[in-house]
């Protein structure tokens, strides 16, 4: 990996990293909102049936969380024109 020596480039890289982190955290907030809604639907259904049933939201929430985690650990591709 090549080190950047230009302070402006390093500053731009740090700003891009902060922006990426903010966007990633925002996606987790969407995930949490989805988890609350799906869990509410599951809870109402369980209440209506009078028993706890399989927690079906785990499937969709698990896939969504796996994608978000993959975005966090997957190496980011270079910008157009970078080698």
N, C-alpha and C. Protein backbone atom coordinates (compact mmCIF):
# COMPACT_ATOMS: atom_id res chain seq x y z
N UNK A 1 0.84 -1.18 0.00
CA UNK A 1 0.00 0.00 0.00
C UNK A 1 0.88 1.24 0.00
N UNK A 2 0.55 2.16 -0.81
CA UNK A 2 1.33 3.37 -0.98
C UNK A 2 0.88 4.43 0.02
N UNK A 3 1.85 5.05 0.69
CA UNK A 3 1.54 6.12 1.65
C UNK A 3 1.39 7.43 0.88
N UNK A 4 0.44 8.23 1.27
CA UNK A 4 0.23 9.55 0.66
C UNK A 4 1.07 10.55 1.42
N UNK A 5 1.82 11.36 0.66
CA UNK A 5 2.68 12.33 1.32
C UNK A 5 2.08 13.73 1.30
N UNK A 6 1.14 13.95 0.42
CA UNK A 6 0.53 15.27 0.31
C UNK A 6 -0.51 15.46 1.42
N UNK A 7 -0.35 16.50 2.25
CA UNK A 7 -1.32 16.72 3.34
C UNK A 7 -2.75 16.90 2.83
N UNK A 8 -2.92 17.52 1.68
CA UNK A 8 -4.27 17.72 1.13
C UNK A 8 -4.91 16.37 0.79
N UNK A 9 -4.13 15.45 0.25
CA UNK A 9 -4.65 14.12 -0.08
C UNK A 9 -5.01 13.36 1.19
N UNK A 10 -4.15 13.45 2.20
CA UNK A 10 -4.44 12.77 3.48
C UNK A 10 -5.70 13.33 4.11
N UNK A 11 -5.85 14.65 4.04
CA UNK A 11 -7.04 15.29 4.59
C UNK A 11 -8.29 14.85 3.83
N UNK A 12 -8.19 14.76 2.52
CA UNK A 12 -9.32 14.30 1.70
C UNK A 12 -9.66 12.85 2.02
N UNK A 13 -8.64 12.02 2.24
CA UNK A 13 -8.88 10.62 2.61
C UNK A 13 -9.59 10.51 3.95
N UNK A 14 -9.17 11.32 4.92
CA UNK A 14 -9.81 11.29 6.24
C UNK A 14 -11.26 11.75 6.15
N UNK A 15 -11.49 12.79 5.35
CA UNK A 15 -12.87 13.28 5.19
C UNK A 15 -13.74 12.22 4.51
N UNK A 16 -13.21 11.54 3.50
CA UNK A 16 -13.97 10.47 2.84
C UNK A 16 -14.26 9.33 3.82
N UNK A 17 -13.29 8.99 4.67
CA UNK A 17 -13.51 7.94 5.67
C UNK A 17 -14.60 8.34 6.66
N UNK A 18 -14.60 9.60 7.09
CA UNK A 18 -15.65 10.08 8.01
C UNK A 18 -17.02 10.02 7.35
N UNK A 19 -17.08 10.42 6.09
CA UNK A 19 -18.35 10.39 5.35
C UNK A 19 -18.83 8.94 5.21
N UNK A 20 -17.93 8.02 4.88
CA UNK A 20 -18.30 6.61 4.76
C UNK A 20 -18.81 6.06 6.09
N UNK A 21 -18.17 6.44 7.19
CA UNK A 21 -18.60 5.99 8.51
C UNK A 21 -19.98 6.53 8.85
N UNK A 22 -20.23 7.80 8.56
CA UNK A 22 -21.56 8.38 8.82
C UNK A 22 -22.64 7.65 8.02
N UNK A 23 -22.35 7.36 6.76
CA UNK A 23 -23.32 6.66 5.93
C UNK A 23 -23.56 5.25 6.45
N UNK A 24 -22.51 4.57 6.91
CA UNK A 24 -22.63 3.20 7.43
C UNK A 24 -23.47 3.20 8.70
N UNK A 25 -23.23 4.16 9.58
CA UNK A 25 -24.01 4.26 10.81
C UNK A 25 -25.47 4.57 10.49
N UNK A 26 -25.70 5.41 9.50
CA UNK A 26 -27.07 5.71 9.09
C UNK A 26 -27.78 4.45 8.59
N UNK A 27 -27.08 3.61 7.86
CA UNK A 27 -27.66 2.35 7.40
C UNK A 27 -28.04 1.45 8.57
N UNK A 28 -27.22 1.44 9.64
CA UNK A 28 -27.56 0.66 10.82
C UNK A 28 -28.80 1.20 11.51
N UNK A 29 -29.00 2.51 11.44
CA UNK A 29 -30.24 3.07 12.01
C UNK A 29 -31.45 2.60 11.23
N UNK A 30 -31.33 2.52 9.92
CA UNK A 30 -32.42 1.96 9.11
C UNK A 30 -32.66 0.50 9.49
N UNK A 31 -31.58 -0.25 9.70
CA UNK A 31 -31.70 -1.65 10.10
C UNK A 31 -32.44 -1.75 11.43
N UNK A 32 -32.09 -0.90 12.39
CA UNK A 32 -32.75 -0.92 13.70
C UNK A 32 -34.23 -0.58 13.56
N UNK A 33 -34.56 0.39 12.73
CA UNK A 33 -35.96 0.72 12.50
C UNK A 33 -36.71 -0.47 11.90
N UNK A 34 -36.09 -1.14 10.95
CA UNK A 34 -36.70 -2.34 10.37
C UNK A 34 -36.88 -3.43 11.41
N UNK A 35 -35.88 -3.58 12.29
CA UNK A 35 -35.97 -4.59 13.34
C UNK A 35 -37.12 -4.30 14.29
N UNK A 36 -37.32 -3.04 14.62
CA UNK A 36 -38.42 -2.67 15.52
C UNK A 36 -39.76 -2.96 14.86
N UNK A 37 -39.91 -2.58 13.60
CA UNK A 37 -41.18 -2.81 12.90
C UNK A 37 -41.47 -4.30 12.74
N UNK A 38 -40.48 -5.06 12.26
CA UNK A 38 -40.69 -6.50 12.07
C UNK A 38 -40.94 -7.22 13.39
N UNK A 39 -40.23 -6.81 14.43
CA UNK A 39 -40.45 -7.43 15.74
C UNK A 39 -41.84 -7.09 16.27
N UNK A 40 -42.30 -5.88 15.99
CA UNK A 40 -43.66 -5.51 16.40
C UNK A 40 -44.70 -6.36 15.69
N UNK A 41 -44.52 -6.57 14.40
CA UNK A 41 -45.45 -7.42 13.64
C UNK A 41 -45.42 -8.84 14.20
N UNK A 42 -44.22 -9.35 14.46
CA UNK A 42 -44.09 -10.69 15.03
C UNK A 42 -44.76 -10.77 16.40
N UNK A 43 -44.55 -9.74 17.24
CA UNK A 43 -45.14 -9.73 18.58
C UNK A 43 -46.66 -9.70 18.55
N UNK A 44 -47.23 -8.90 17.65
CA UNK A 44 -48.69 -8.84 17.52
C UNK A 44 -49.23 -10.19 17.07
N UNK A 45 -48.53 -10.81 16.14
CA UNK A 45 -48.97 -12.13 15.66
C UNK A 45 -48.93 -13.16 16.79
N UNK A 46 -47.85 -13.14 17.57
CA UNK A 46 -47.74 -14.07 18.70
C UNK A 46 -48.85 -13.81 19.72
N UNK A 47 -49.12 -12.55 19.99
CA UNK A 47 -50.18 -12.20 20.92
C UNK A 47 -51.52 -12.70 20.41
N UNK A 48 -51.76 -12.53 19.13
CA UNK A 48 -53.02 -12.96 18.52
C UNK A 48 -53.18 -14.47 18.60
N UNK A 49 -52.08 -15.20 18.40
CA UNK A 49 -52.13 -16.67 18.46
C UNK A 49 -52.06 -17.20 19.89
N UNK A 50 -51.65 -16.38 20.82
CA UNK A 50 -51.58 -16.79 22.22
C UNK A 50 -50.36 -17.62 22.57
N UNK A 51 -49.36 -17.64 21.71
CA UNK A 51 -48.13 -18.39 21.99
C UNK A 51 -46.97 -17.78 21.20
N UNK A 52 -45.77 -18.02 21.72
CA UNK A 52 -44.59 -17.55 21.01
C UNK A 52 -44.32 -18.47 19.83
N UNK A 53 -44.14 -17.89 18.67
CA UNK A 53 -43.84 -18.67 17.48
C UNK A 53 -42.40 -18.38 17.06
N UNK A 54 -41.96 -19.07 16.01
CA UNK A 54 -40.62 -18.86 15.48
C UNK A 54 -40.42 -17.38 15.16
N UNK A 55 -39.28 -16.85 15.54
CA UNK A 55 -38.98 -15.44 15.30
C UNK A 55 -38.51 -15.28 13.85
N UNK A 56 -39.47 -15.19 12.94
CA UNK A 56 -39.17 -15.14 11.51
C UNK A 56 -38.41 -13.90 11.05
N UNK A 57 -38.46 -12.76 11.75
CA UNK A 57 -37.67 -11.62 11.28
C UNK A 57 -36.16 -11.87 11.30
N UNK A 58 -35.72 -12.89 12.02
CA UNK A 58 -34.27 -13.15 12.11
C UNK A 58 -33.67 -13.41 10.73
N UNK A 59 -34.44 -13.98 9.82
CA UNK A 59 -33.89 -14.28 8.50
C UNK A 59 -33.57 -13.01 7.72
N UNK A 60 -34.54 -12.15 7.57
CA UNK A 60 -34.30 -10.92 6.79
C UNK A 60 -33.34 -9.99 7.52
N UNK A 61 -33.47 -9.87 8.83
CA UNK A 61 -32.57 -8.99 9.58
C UNK A 61 -31.14 -9.53 9.56
N UNK A 62 -31.00 -10.85 9.58
CA UNK A 62 -29.67 -11.45 9.53
C UNK A 62 -28.97 -11.20 8.21
N UNK A 63 -29.70 -11.33 7.11
CA UNK A 63 -29.12 -11.07 5.79
C UNK A 63 -28.73 -9.60 5.68
N UNK A 64 -29.62 -8.73 6.11
CA UNK A 64 -29.36 -7.28 6.05
C UNK A 64 -28.12 -6.93 6.88
N UNK A 65 -28.02 -7.49 8.07
CA UNK A 65 -26.86 -7.22 8.94
C UNK A 65 -25.59 -7.78 8.32
N UNK A 66 -25.66 -8.95 7.69
CA UNK A 66 -24.48 -9.52 7.05
C UNK A 66 -23.97 -8.62 5.94
N UNK A 67 -24.88 -8.03 5.18
CA UNK A 67 -24.47 -7.11 4.12
C UNK A 67 -23.80 -5.88 4.71
N UNK A 68 -24.36 -5.33 5.78
CA UNK A 68 -23.76 -4.16 6.41
C UNK A 68 -22.38 -4.47 6.98
N UNK A 69 -22.24 -5.65 7.58
CA UNK A 69 -20.92 -6.04 8.11
C UNK A 69 -19.92 -6.26 6.98
N UNK A 70 -20.38 -6.85 5.88
CA UNK A 70 -19.49 -7.05 4.74
C UNK A 70 -19.00 -5.71 4.19
N UNK A 71 -19.87 -4.72 4.17
CA UNK A 71 -19.46 -3.39 3.71
C UNK A 71 -18.38 -2.80 4.62
N UNK A 72 -18.41 -3.15 5.89
CA UNK A 72 -17.44 -2.61 6.83
C UNK A 72 -16.07 -3.28 6.68
N UNK A 73 -16.02 -4.55 6.32
CA UNK A 73 -14.75 -5.27 6.28
C UNK A 73 -14.22 -5.48 4.87
N UNK A 74 -15.08 -5.34 3.88
CA UNK A 74 -14.65 -5.56 2.49
C UNK A 74 -13.72 -4.42 2.08
N UNK A 75 -12.61 -4.75 1.42
CA UNK A 75 -11.72 -3.66 0.99
C UNK A 75 -12.41 -2.75 -0.01
N UNK A 76 -12.24 -1.48 0.21
CA UNK A 76 -12.87 -0.49 -0.66
C UNK A 76 -12.09 -0.40 -1.96
N UNK A 77 -12.83 -0.37 -3.07
CA UNK A 77 -12.19 -0.25 -4.38
C UNK A 77 -11.63 1.13 -4.59
N UNK A 78 -10.63 1.21 -5.45
CA UNK A 78 -10.02 2.50 -5.73
C UNK A 78 -10.94 3.36 -6.58
N UNK A 79 -10.72 4.64 -6.50
CA UNK A 79 -11.48 5.58 -7.32
C UNK A 79 -11.05 5.42 -8.77
N UNK A 80 -11.88 5.88 -9.69
CA UNK A 80 -11.54 5.82 -11.10
C UNK A 80 -10.24 6.60 -11.35
N UNK A 81 -9.33 5.96 -12.06
CA UNK A 81 -8.07 6.62 -12.35
C UNK A 81 -6.95 6.27 -11.38
N UNK A 82 -7.28 5.62 -10.25
CA UNK A 82 -6.25 5.20 -9.30
C UNK A 82 -5.85 3.79 -9.63
N UNK A 83 -4.60 3.47 -9.35
CA UNK A 83 -4.12 2.10 -9.61
C UNK A 83 -3.92 1.34 -8.33
